[in-house]
Amino acid sequence: MKTRPLFLSMIGLSLLAGCSSKSDSYTREIGIYPGNPNETYAPEVVADNATYRNVTELKSGYHSSSYDYNLTAQLVTDGIHSAIEPAT
């Protein structure tokens, strides 16, 4: 009868022994290669200010409840920067 609590405590201790703090050495932060930094071949993001890219060119835009509701979503998705109001 005493063997069952002893057996359960041994199982509990063996499970806790596997939860050591050594797991921090296997991972780094999000987005950082976990191995040797000289051996990573992941692509890097580089800013390209010389080329204009319209990333919302073919995406639909929906907008309502504004003065010019037909044109506001188009101006937002096209990325047009203007200080004047659109023609009505």
N, C-alpha and C. Protein backbone atom coordinates (compact mmCIF):
# COMPACT_ATOMS: atom_id res chain seq x y z
N MET A 1 0.81 -1.18 0.00
CA MET A 1 0.00 0.00 0.00
C MET A 1 0.86 1.26 0.00
N LYS A 2 2.01 1.20 0.66
CA LYS A 2 2.88 2.36 0.71
C LYS A 2 3.67 2.52 -0.58
N THR A 3 3.67 1.50 -1.40
CA THR A 3 4.46 1.59 -2.63
C THR A 3 3.80 2.51 -3.66
N ARG A 4 2.48 2.63 -3.62
CA ARG A 4 1.81 3.47 -4.61
C ARG A 4 2.16 4.96 -4.42
N PRO A 5 2.08 5.56 -3.22
CA PRO A 5 2.49 6.96 -3.06
C PRO A 5 3.97 7.16 -3.38
N LEU A 6 4.78 6.18 -3.03
CA LEU A 6 6.21 6.27 -3.33
C LEU A 6 6.42 6.25 -4.84
N PHE A 7 5.69 5.39 -5.52
CA PHE A 7 5.80 5.28 -6.97
C PHE A 7 5.33 6.57 -7.65
N LEU A 8 4.22 7.15 -7.18
CA LEU A 8 3.71 8.39 -7.76
C LEU A 8 4.65 9.56 -7.50
N SER A 9 5.27 9.59 -6.33
CA SER A 9 6.22 10.67 -6.06
C SER A 9 7.47 10.52 -6.91
N MET A 10 7.89 9.30 -7.19
CA MET A 10 9.05 9.09 -8.07
C MET A 10 8.74 9.54 -9.49
N ILE A 11 7.53 9.26 -9.95
CA ILE A 11 7.13 9.71 -11.29
C ILE A 11 7.08 11.23 -11.34
N GLY A 12 6.54 11.85 -10.30
CA GLY A 12 6.47 13.31 -10.24
C GLY A 12 7.85 13.95 -10.23
N LEU A 13 8.77 13.38 -9.47
CA LEU A 13 10.12 13.92 -9.43
C LEU A 13 10.84 13.74 -10.77
N SER A 14 10.61 12.63 -11.43
CA SER A 14 11.26 12.43 -12.72
C SER A 14 10.70 13.38 -13.78
N LEU A 15 9.42 13.71 -13.69
CA LEU A 15 8.85 14.69 -14.62
C LEU A 15 9.39 16.09 -14.35
N LEU A 16 9.54 16.44 -13.09
CA LEU A 16 10.08 17.75 -12.75
C LEU A 16 11.56 17.86 -13.09
N ALA A 17 12.27 16.76 -13.07
CA ALA A 17 13.69 16.80 -13.40
C ALA A 17 13.90 17.14 -14.87
N GLY A 18 12.93 16.81 -15.71
CA GLY A 18 13.04 17.14 -17.13
C GLY A 18 12.76 18.59 -17.44
N CYS A 19 12.24 19.34 -16.49
CA CYS A 19 11.91 20.75 -16.68
C CYS A 19 13.02 21.63 -16.13
N SER A 20 14.19 21.49 -16.65
CA SER A 20 15.30 22.31 -16.16
C SER A 20 15.34 23.63 -16.91
N SER A 21 16.14 24.55 -16.45
CA SER A 21 16.24 25.87 -17.07
C SER A 21 17.26 25.89 -18.21
N LYS A 22 17.74 24.76 -18.65
CA LYS A 22 18.68 24.70 -19.76
C LYS A 22 18.01 24.96 -21.11
N SER A 23 16.68 25.00 -21.15
CA SER A 23 15.98 25.20 -22.42
C SER A 23 16.22 26.60 -22.98
N ASP A 24 16.67 27.54 -22.16
CA ASP A 24 16.94 28.89 -22.65
C ASP A 24 18.12 28.92 -23.60
N SER A 25 19.02 27.96 -23.51
CA SER A 25 20.19 27.97 -24.38
C SER A 25 19.86 27.48 -25.78
N TYR A 26 18.70 26.85 -25.99
CA TYR A 26 18.36 26.33 -27.30
C TYR A 26 17.65 27.36 -28.17
N THR A 27 17.03 28.34 -27.58
CA THR A 27 16.32 29.35 -28.35
C THR A 27 16.80 30.73 -27.97
N ARG A 28 16.60 31.66 -28.90
CA ARG A 28 16.89 33.06 -28.63
C ARG A 28 15.59 33.83 -28.76
N GLU A 29 15.67 35.08 -29.12
CA GLU A 29 14.47 35.87 -29.27
C GLU A 29 13.74 35.51 -30.55
N ILE A 30 12.56 36.05 -30.73
CA ILE A 30 11.80 35.83 -31.95
C ILE A 30 12.52 36.50 -33.11
N GLY A 31 12.72 35.77 -34.18
CA GLY A 31 13.36 36.32 -35.37
C GLY A 31 14.87 36.23 -35.37
N ILE A 32 15.48 35.67 -34.35
CA ILE A 32 16.93 35.53 -34.29
C ILE A 32 17.27 34.07 -34.51
N TYR A 33 18.21 33.83 -35.41
CA TYR A 33 18.62 32.47 -35.74
C TYR A 33 19.17 31.79 -34.49
N PRO A 34 18.69 30.57 -34.14
CA PRO A 34 19.08 29.95 -32.88
C PRO A 34 20.48 29.36 -32.86
N GLY A 35 21.11 29.17 -34.01
CA GLY A 35 22.42 28.55 -34.04
C GLY A 35 23.53 29.58 -34.13
N ASN A 36 24.59 29.19 -34.81
CA ASN A 36 25.73 30.07 -35.02
C ASN A 36 25.32 31.16 -36.00
N PRO A 37 25.48 32.44 -35.66
CA PRO A 37 25.07 33.51 -36.57
C PRO A 37 25.82 33.50 -37.90
N ASN A 38 27.01 32.92 -37.94
CA ASN A 38 27.76 32.85 -39.20
C ASN A 38 27.20 31.79 -40.14
N GLU A 39 26.35 30.90 -39.66
CA GLU A 39 25.82 29.82 -40.47
C GLU A 39 24.37 30.06 -40.92
N THR A 40 23.82 31.22 -40.66
CA THR A 40 22.45 31.48 -41.08
C THR A 40 22.43 31.98 -42.53
N TYR A 41 21.48 31.48 -43.29
CA TYR A 41 21.33 31.90 -44.68
C TYR A 41 19.93 32.46 -44.91
N ALA A 42 19.34 32.98 -43.87
CA ALA A 42 18.00 33.56 -43.97
C ALA A 42 18.07 34.91 -44.67
N PRO A 43 17.04 35.28 -45.42
CA PRO A 43 17.05 36.58 -46.09
C PRO A 43 16.93 37.72 -45.09
N GLU A 44 17.52 38.83 -45.42
CA GLU A 44 17.46 40.01 -44.57
C GLU A 44 16.60 41.07 -45.25
N VAL A 45 15.86 41.81 -44.44
CA VAL A 45 15.03 42.89 -44.97
C VAL A 45 15.89 44.14 -45.09
N VAL A 46 15.93 44.68 -46.31
CA VAL A 46 16.73 45.87 -46.58
C VAL A 46 15.80 46.94 -47.13
N ALA A 47 15.88 48.15 -46.62
CA ALA A 47 15.04 49.24 -47.10
C ALA A 47 15.48 49.67 -48.49
N ASP A 48 14.50 49.80 -49.40
CA ASP A 48 14.77 50.25 -50.77
C ASP A 48 13.95 51.50 -51.02
N ASN A 49 14.55 52.65 -50.80
CA ASN A 49 13.84 53.91 -50.96
C ASN A 49 13.85 54.41 -52.40
N ALA A 50 14.62 53.80 -53.29
CA ALA A 50 14.71 54.26 -54.67
C ALA A 50 13.56 53.75 -55.52
N THR A 51 12.95 52.64 -55.16
CA THR A 51 11.89 52.04 -55.96
C THR A 51 10.55 52.22 -55.27
N TYR A 52 9.55 52.72 -56.02
CA TYR A 52 8.20 52.88 -55.48
C TYR A 52 7.42 51.61 -55.74
N ARG A 53 6.85 51.06 -54.69
CA ARG A 53 6.03 49.86 -54.82
C ARG A 53 4.65 50.15 -54.24
N ASN A 54 3.64 49.98 -55.05
CA ASN A 54 2.27 50.15 -54.58
C ASN A 54 1.77 48.79 -54.12
N VAL A 55 1.87 48.53 -52.83
CA VAL A 55 1.51 47.21 -52.31
C VAL A 55 0.01 46.99 -52.25
N THR A 56 -0.77 48.05 -52.37
CA THR A 56 -2.23 47.91 -52.34
C THR A 56 -2.84 48.16 -53.71
N GLU A 57 -2.10 47.88 -54.76
CA GLU A 57 -2.56 48.22 -56.10
C GLU A 57 -3.84 47.50 -56.49
N LEU A 58 -3.92 46.22 -56.26
CA LEU A 58 -5.08 45.45 -56.69
C LEU A 58 -5.99 45.03 -55.54
N LYS A 59 -5.85 45.66 -54.40
CA LYS A 59 -6.69 45.31 -53.25
C LYS A 59 -7.90 46.23 -53.21
N SER A 60 -9.02 45.66 -52.85
CA SER A 60 -10.24 46.46 -52.78
C SER A 60 -10.31 47.19 -51.45
N GLY A 61 -10.84 48.39 -51.49
CA GLY A 61 -10.98 49.18 -50.28
C GLY A 61 -12.43 49.54 -50.05
N TYR A 62 -12.88 49.46 -48.81
CA TYR A 62 -14.27 49.76 -48.46
C TYR A 62 -14.28 50.86 -47.41
N HIS A 63 -15.14 51.83 -47.62
CA HIS A 63 -15.21 52.93 -46.69
C HIS A 63 -16.61 53.52 -46.73
N SER A 64 -17.06 54.03 -45.63
CA SER A 64 -18.38 54.66 -45.61
C SER A 64 -18.36 55.80 -44.61
N SER A 65 -19.43 56.56 -44.62
CA SER A 65 -19.67 57.67 -43.69
C SER A 65 -18.57 58.71 -43.71
N SER A 66 -18.26 59.21 -44.89
CA SER A 66 -17.37 60.35 -45.01
C SER A 66 -17.95 61.29 -46.06
N TYR A 67 -17.33 62.44 -46.24
CA TYR A 67 -17.86 63.45 -47.16
C TYR A 67 -17.88 62.93 -48.59
N ASP A 68 -16.78 62.35 -49.03
CA ASP A 68 -16.70 61.81 -50.38
C ASP A 68 -16.50 60.30 -50.28
N TYR A 69 -17.56 59.58 -49.99
CA TYR A 69 -17.44 58.16 -49.68
C TYR A 69 -17.05 57.31 -50.87
N ASN A 70 -17.21 57.81 -52.10
CA ASN A 70 -16.83 57.03 -53.28
C ASN A 70 -15.33 57.06 -53.53
N LEU A 71 -14.65 58.07 -53.06
CA LEU A 71 -13.24 58.24 -53.39
C LEU A 71 -12.31 58.03 -52.21
N THR A 72 -12.81 58.08 -50.99
CA THR A 72 -11.94 58.03 -49.81
C THR A 72 -11.18 56.72 -49.71
N ALA A 73 -11.83 55.59 -49.91
CA ALA A 73 -11.14 54.30 -49.82
C ALA A 73 -10.09 54.16 -50.91
N GLN A 74 -10.35 54.71 -52.09
CA GLN A 74 -9.37 54.65 -53.17
C GLN A 74 -8.13 55.47 -52.82
N LEU A 75 -8.32 56.63 -52.25
CA LEU A 75 -7.17 57.46 -51.87
C LEU A 75 -6.36 56.81 -50.76
N VAL A 76 -7.03 56.13 -49.85
CA VAL A 76 -6.32 55.47 -48.75
C VAL A 76 -5.49 54.31 -49.27
N THR A 77 -6.05 53.49 -50.16
CA THR A 77 -5.32 52.33 -50.64
C THR A 77 -4.29 52.67 -51.69
N ASP A 78 -4.44 53.78 -52.40
CA ASP A 78 -3.45 54.17 -53.40
C ASP A 78 -2.23 54.83 -52.78
N GLY A 79 -2.35 55.30 -51.58
CA GLY A 79 -1.21 55.92 -50.91
C GLY A 79 -0.94 57.33 -51.39
N ILE A 80 -1.96 58.02 -51.86
CA ILE A 80 -1.79 59.39 -52.36
C ILE A 80 -1.75 60.32 -51.15
N HIS A 81 -0.70 61.10 -51.07
CA HIS A 81 -0.55 62.07 -49.99
C HIS A 81 -0.88 63.45 -50.54
N SER A 82 -1.93 64.05 -50.04
CA SER A 82 -2.33 65.36 -50.51
C SER A 82 -2.95 66.12 -49.36
N ALA A 83 -2.73 67.44 -49.35
CA ALA A 83 -3.28 68.28 -48.31
C ALA A 83 -4.62 68.88 -48.72
N ILE A 84 -4.96 68.80 -50.02
CA ILE A 84 -6.21 69.39 -50.48
C ILE A 84 -7.30 68.33 -50.52
N GLU A 85 -8.55 68.77 -50.46
CA GLU A 85 -9.68 67.85 -50.51
C GLU A 85 -9.91 67.40 -51.94
N PRO A 86 -10.44 66.20 -52.14
CA PRO A 86 -10.72 65.75 -53.50
C PRO A 86 -11.88 66.52 -54.11
N ALA A 87 -11.89 66.61 -55.44
CA ALA A 87 -12.96 67.32 -56.13
C ALA A 87 -14.27 66.56 -56.00
N THR A 88 -15.35 67.31 -55.84
CA THR A 88 -16.65 66.65 -55.70
C THR A 88 -17.44 66.72 -56.97
